[in-house]
Amino acid sequence: MHDSTAGEQTPAAGPGPDAAPEENHREPGPDVPRAMIPVAKLAAHPGNVRRDLDLSPEFIESIKVNGVLVALRITPDRDGYRVIDGGRRLAGALKAGVGEVPCDLAGDRADDEAGQYLDMINMNRHRNPLTVLEEADALFAAKEAGATRTRIRKAAGLTSAGLANALAAAKLSDEARARVEDLDEQLTLDELAVLAEFDGDSDAIARLTLAASMGTLEHEAELLRQARAEDAEHERIRRELEAAG
């Protein structure tokens, strides 16, 4: 298994959870005035790709004591605002009973849903980063929202092959995703794309995820490909024999 941030084929998921700074700690730099918005006017993005908000007691306590220190990125939405980046902070503020939070208004994203998904990736790479699979989901959502492959590649810093792998990974079934999430380490986009190649075959996915944990994913995938090729050849011969009576 490879490190999830190695190579240009994989989105830069940033350091692991142990190394990531707490999301509510202000980053170094000069203070910038923020608009304080009531949480009642904010709505979580309906397509938020983060699967686990990780609302730890420490995170909630930090917000209770200090408020939300890192501004949410928002855009106008109906009678209020949609949160593009900061869904975790919004959920934490609601749980902590905080009435208002600092926000940066991205007015140009109101009619740019694809851009909203791309922002989810780029705004989170230095704070509590998305997983590789969550980034793949965001890239796929951006494509479905109308973003061109060129725009997505430039925004995510991917090659054409890397983007193809990301789009394949985003189509993984719930069963395959559950097995991936049970692994101790994240898989790269290349490795996720290998799983996508065999998705729908429960036995193959089980074998591949076990192999991934042992660092032999590609070897196991090649054995499965050979077995598939042999089965296909046997089926071809059977059909020929049947056709010949």
Protein backbone atom coordinates (compact mmCIF):
# COMPACT_ATOMS: atom_id res chain seq x y z
CA MET A 1 0.00 0.00 0.00
CA HIS A 2 1.26 3.45 -0.84
CA ASP A 3 1.04 6.68 1.09
CA SER A 4 -2.19 8.45 0.15
CA THR A 5 -0.40 11.62 -0.87
CA ALA A 6 2.30 10.06 -3.04
CA GLY A 7 2.43 10.76 -6.78
CA GLU A 8 0.52 13.16 -8.97
CA GLN A 9 -2.20 10.58 -9.58
CA THR A 10 -3.56 11.13 -6.07
CA PRO A 11 -5.25 14.29 -4.75
CA ALA A 12 -3.15 15.97 -2.08
CA ALA A 13 -5.06 14.71 0.93
CA GLY A 14 -2.58 16.35 3.30
CA PRO A 15 -1.14 14.93 6.52
CA GLY A 16 -2.90 12.18 8.43
CA PRO A 17 -5.39 12.82 11.24
CA ASP A 18 -2.71 12.71 13.93
CA ALA A 19 -0.68 15.43 12.20
CA ALA A 20 -3.56 17.67 11.11
CA PRO A 21 -4.10 20.81 13.20
CA GLU A 22 -7.46 21.10 14.94
CA GLU A 23 -9.86 22.68 12.48
CA ASN A 24 -10.97 25.35 14.93
CA HIS A 25 -7.44 26.64 15.58
CA ARG A 26 -6.72 29.85 13.72
CA GLU A 27 -3.94 29.53 11.17
CA PRO A 28 -0.94 31.87 11.45
CA GLY A 29 -1.21 35.24 9.75
CA PRO A 30 -2.82 38.64 10.20
CA ASP A 31 -6.42 38.82 11.33
CA VAL A 32 -8.95 39.51 8.60
CA PRO A 33 -12.34 41.08 9.44
CA ARG A 34 -15.15 38.58 8.94
CA ALA A 35 -18.89 38.97 8.58
CA MET A 36 -20.67 37.30 11.48
CA ILE A 37 -23.71 35.35 10.23
CA PRO A 38 -26.41 33.75 12.44
CA VAL A 39 -26.26 29.96 12.20
CA ALA A 40 -30.02 29.98 11.57
CA LYS A 41 -29.33 31.50 8.16
CA LEU A 42 -26.78 28.83 7.20
CA ALA A 43 -27.53 25.47 5.61
CA ALA A 44 -25.10 22.60 5.15
CA HIS A 45 -24.30 21.82 1.53
CA PRO A 46 -26.71 19.07 0.37
CA GLY A 47 -23.89 17.37 -1.50
CA ASN A 48 -21.25 17.56 1.22
CA VAL A 49 -18.84 14.71 0.49
CA ARG A 50 -17.43 14.41 4.02
CA ARG A 51 -18.77 11.15 5.44
CA ASP A 52 -17.64 11.66 9.04
CA LEU A 53 -17.87 15.10 10.64
CA ASP A 54 -15.82 13.88 13.63
CA LEU A 55 -17.55 16.10 16.17
CA SER A 56 -15.25 15.18 19.03
CA PRO A 57 -15.91 16.48 22.56
CA GLU A 58 -12.66 18.45 22.34
CA PHE A 59 -13.78 20.14 19.12
CA ILE A 60 -17.17 21.08 20.58
CA GLU A 61 -15.56 22.38 23.79
CA SER A 62 -13.16 24.51 21.75
CA ILE A 63 -16.08 26.14 19.96
CA LYS A 64 -17.97 26.69 23.24
CA VAL A 65 -14.96 28.48 24.73
CA ASN A 66 -13.54 30.31 21.71
CA GLY A 67 -16.35 30.34 19.16
CA VAL A 68 -15.61 29.37 15.56
CA LEU A 69 -12.28 30.94 14.63
CA VAL A 70 -11.87 29.82 11.00
CA ALA A 71 -14.40 31.46 8.70
CA LEU A 72 -16.88 29.33 6.78
CA ARG A 73 -17.02 29.77 3.01
CA ILE A 74 -20.61 30.43 2.02
CA THR A 75 -22.68 31.44 -0.99
CA PRO A 76 -26.22 32.90 -1.26
CA ASP A 77 -28.94 30.24 -1.31
CA ARG A 78 -32.65 31.12 -1.27
CA ASP A 79 -33.39 33.05 1.95
CA GLY A 80 -30.03 32.31 3.53
CA TYR A 81 -26.64 30.87 2.68
CA ARG A 82 -25.23 27.51 1.67
CA VAL A 83 -22.00 26.41 3.35
CA ILE A 84 -19.44 25.39 0.74
CA ASP A 85 -16.60 24.82 3.18
CA GLY A 86 -17.10 24.52 6.92
CA GLY A 87 -19.88 21.97 7.32
CA ARG A 88 -18.04 20.48 10.28
CA ARG A 89 -17.65 23.87 11.92
CA LEU A 90 -21.33 24.64 11.33
CA ALA A 91 -22.40 21.33 12.89
CA GLY A 92 -20.04 21.98 15.79
CA ALA A 93 -21.45 25.48 16.32
CA LEU A 94 -25.00 24.13 16.36
CA LYS A 95 -24.05 21.45 18.87
CA ALA A 96 -22.14 23.94 21.02
CA GLY A 97 -25.05 26.38 21.03
CA VAL A 98 -23.12 29.17 19.30
CA GLY A 99 -25.45 31.72 17.72
CA GLU A 100 -23.30 33.14 14.94
CA VAL A 101 -20.11 32.28 13.10
CA PRO A 102 -17.59 34.14 10.91
CA CYS A 103 -18.09 33.69 7.18
CA ASP A 104 -16.50 34.58 3.86
CA LEU A 105 -19.08 35.21 1.16
CA ALA A 106 -18.29 33.68 -2.23
CA GLY A 107 -20.96 35.36 -4.30
CA ASP A 108 -19.52 34.05 -7.56
CA ARG A 109 -20.27 30.45 -6.48
CA ALA A 110 -24.03 30.95 -6.20
CA ASP A 111 -24.62 29.72 -9.76
CA ASP A 112 -21.50 27.57 -9.97
CA GLU A 113 -22.31 24.26 -8.31
CA ALA A 114 -19.30 22.59 -9.91
CA GLY A 115 -17.06 25.24 -8.37
CA GLN A 116 -18.61 24.56 -4.98
CA TYR A 117 -17.50 20.93 -5.13
CA LEU A 118 -14.01 21.90 -6.25
CA ASP A 119 -13.82 24.34 -3.33
CA MET A 120 -14.61 21.49 -0.94
CA ILE A 121 -11.33 19.90 -1.98
CA ASN A 122 -9.06 22.91 -2.12
CA MET A 123 -10.28 24.55 1.08
CA ASN A 124 -9.76 21.38 3.13
CA ARG A 125 -6.27 20.29 2.12
CA HIS A 126 -4.57 22.02 5.05
CA ARG A 127 -7.22 21.47 7.74
CA ASN A 128 -8.81 18.14 8.65
CA PRO A 129 -8.46 17.01 5.02
CA LEU A 130 -10.95 14.92 3.09
CA THR A 131 -10.06 11.30 2.48
CA VAL A 132 -8.89 10.29 -0.98
CA LEU A 133 -12.27 8.67 -1.63
CA GLU A 134 -14.14 11.79 -0.47
CA GLU A 135 -12.03 13.90 -2.82
CA ALA A 136 -12.90 11.49 -5.63
CA ASP A 137 -16.59 11.95 -4.78
CA ALA A 138 -16.20 15.73 -4.97
CA LEU A 139 -14.48 15.51 -8.35
CA PHE A 140 -17.21 13.25 -9.69
CA ALA A 141 -19.89 15.61 -8.35
CA ALA A 142 -18.15 18.55 -10.04
CA LYS A 143 -18.17 16.66 -13.34
CA GLU A 144 -21.86 15.81 -12.93
CA ALA A 145 -22.51 19.50 -12.23
CA GLY A 146 -21.01 20.44 -15.58
CA ALA A 147 -17.30 21.05 -14.95
CA THR A 148 -15.06 20.09 -17.85
CA ARG A 149 -12.30 17.55 -17.34
CA THR A 150 -9.74 20.29 -17.98
CA ARG A 151 -11.18 22.51 -15.25
CA ILE A 152 -11.29 19.61 -12.80
CA ARG A 153 -7.73 18.51 -13.57
CA LYS A 154 -6.39 22.03 -13.09
CA ALA A 155 -8.31 22.57 -9.87
CA ALA A 156 -7.25 19.24 -8.36
CA GLY A 157 -3.74 19.10 -9.81
CA LEU A 158 -4.30 15.76 -11.53
CA THR A 159 -3.15 14.24 -14.79
CA SER A 160 -5.73 12.83 -17.22
CA ALA A 161 -5.01 9.34 -15.91
CA GLY A 162 -5.35 10.52 -12.31
CA LEU A 163 -8.74 12.07 -13.03
CA ALA A 164 -9.92 8.90 -14.78
CA ASN A 165 -8.94 6.93 -11.67
CA ALA A 166 -10.76 9.39 -9.43
CA LEU A 167 -13.97 9.17 -11.46
CA ALA A 168 -13.76 5.37 -11.39
CA ALA A 169 -13.17 5.37 -7.62
CA ALA A 170 -16.20 7.59 -7.05
CA LYS A 171 -18.43 4.87 -8.54
CA LEU A 172 -17.43 2.26 -5.97
CA SER A 173 -20.36 0.42 -4.41
CA ASP A 174 -21.30 0.75 -0.76
CA GLU A 175 -19.89 -2.72 -0.11
CA ALA A 176 -16.52 -1.83 -1.61
CA ARG A 177 -16.46 1.53 0.21
CA ALA A 178 -17.12 -0.18 3.55
CA ARG A 179 -14.16 -2.50 3.02
CA VAL A 180 -11.93 0.42 2.02
CA GLU A 181 -12.93 2.40 5.10
CA ASP A 182 -12.12 -0.58 7.34
CA LEU A 183 -8.48 -0.50 6.24
CA ASP A 184 -5.92 1.04 8.57
CA GLU A 185 -4.47 3.21 5.79
CA GLN A 186 -6.00 5.07 2.88
CA LEU A 187 -5.64 3.70 -0.63
CA THR A 188 -4.34 5.85 -3.47
CA LEU A 189 -6.45 6.72 -6.48
CA ASP A 190 -4.54 4.10 -8.48
CA GLU A 191 -5.43 1.45 -5.90
CA LEU A 192 -9.06 2.55 -5.67
CA ALA A 193 -9.32 2.33 -9.45
CA VAL A 194 -8.13 -1.28 -9.26
CA LEU A 195 -10.95 -2.04 -6.84
CA ALA A 196 -13.41 -0.32 -9.16
CA GLU A 197 -12.28 -2.68 -11.93
CA PHE A 198 -13.62 -5.63 -9.90
CA ASP A 199 -16.54 -3.93 -8.16
CA GLY A 200 -19.61 -6.15 -8.04
CA ASP A 201 -17.54 -9.26 -7.35
CA SER A 202 -17.67 -9.58 -3.56
CA ASP A 203 -15.02 -12.29 -3.41
CA ALA A 204 -12.62 -10.28 -5.57
CA ILE A 205 -13.13 -7.12 -3.50
CA ALA A 206 -12.47 -9.08 -0.30
CA ARG A 207 -9.28 -10.54 -1.75
CA LEU A 208 -8.09 -7.18 -3.04
CA THR A 209 -8.66 -5.25 0.18
CA LEU A 210 -6.85 -7.98 2.13
CA ALA A 211 -4.01 -7.79 -0.39
CA ALA A 212 -3.96 -4.00 -0.05
CA SER A 213 -3.41 -4.31 3.69
CA MET A 214 -0.42 -6.56 2.93
CA GLY A 215 1.02 -4.40 0.16
CA THR A 216 0.30 -6.94 -2.61
CA LEU A 217 -2.75 -5.36 -4.25
CA GLU A 218 -1.41 -5.24 -7.82
CA HIS A 219 -0.17 -8.82 -7.67
CA GLU A 220 -3.58 -10.05 -6.50
CA ALA A 221 -5.31 -7.96 -9.16
CA GLU A 222 -3.16 -9.55 -11.86
CA LEU A 223 -4.10 -13.04 -10.63
CA LEU A 224 -7.78 -12.07 -10.80
CA ARG A 225 -7.35 -10.66 -14.31
CA GLN A 226 -5.73 -13.89 -15.46
CA ALA A 227 -8.54 -15.94 -13.93
CA ARG A 228 -11.10 -13.75 -15.69
CA ALA A 229 -9.31 -14.16 -19.01
CA GLU A 230 -9.22 -17.95 -18.60
CA ASP A 231 -12.92 -18.06 -17.71
CA ALA A 232 -13.73 -15.93 -20.76
CA GLU A 233 -11.71 -18.27 -23.00
CA HIS A 234 -13.44 -21.35 -21.58
CA GLU A 235 -16.81 -19.70 -22.21
CA ARG A 236 -15.82 -18.91 -25.79
CA ILE A 237 -14.83 -22.52 -26.44
CA ARG A 238 -18.03 -23.81 -24.85
CA ARG A 239 -20.14 -21.62 -27.10
CA GLU A 240 -18.24 -22.75 -30.18
CA LEU A 241 -18.78 -26.40 -29.24
CA GLU A 242 -22.46 -25.83 -28.61
CA ALA A 243 -22.84 -24.06 -31.94
CA ALA A 244 -21.13 -27.04 -33.63
CA GLY A 245 -23.51 -29.47 -31.96
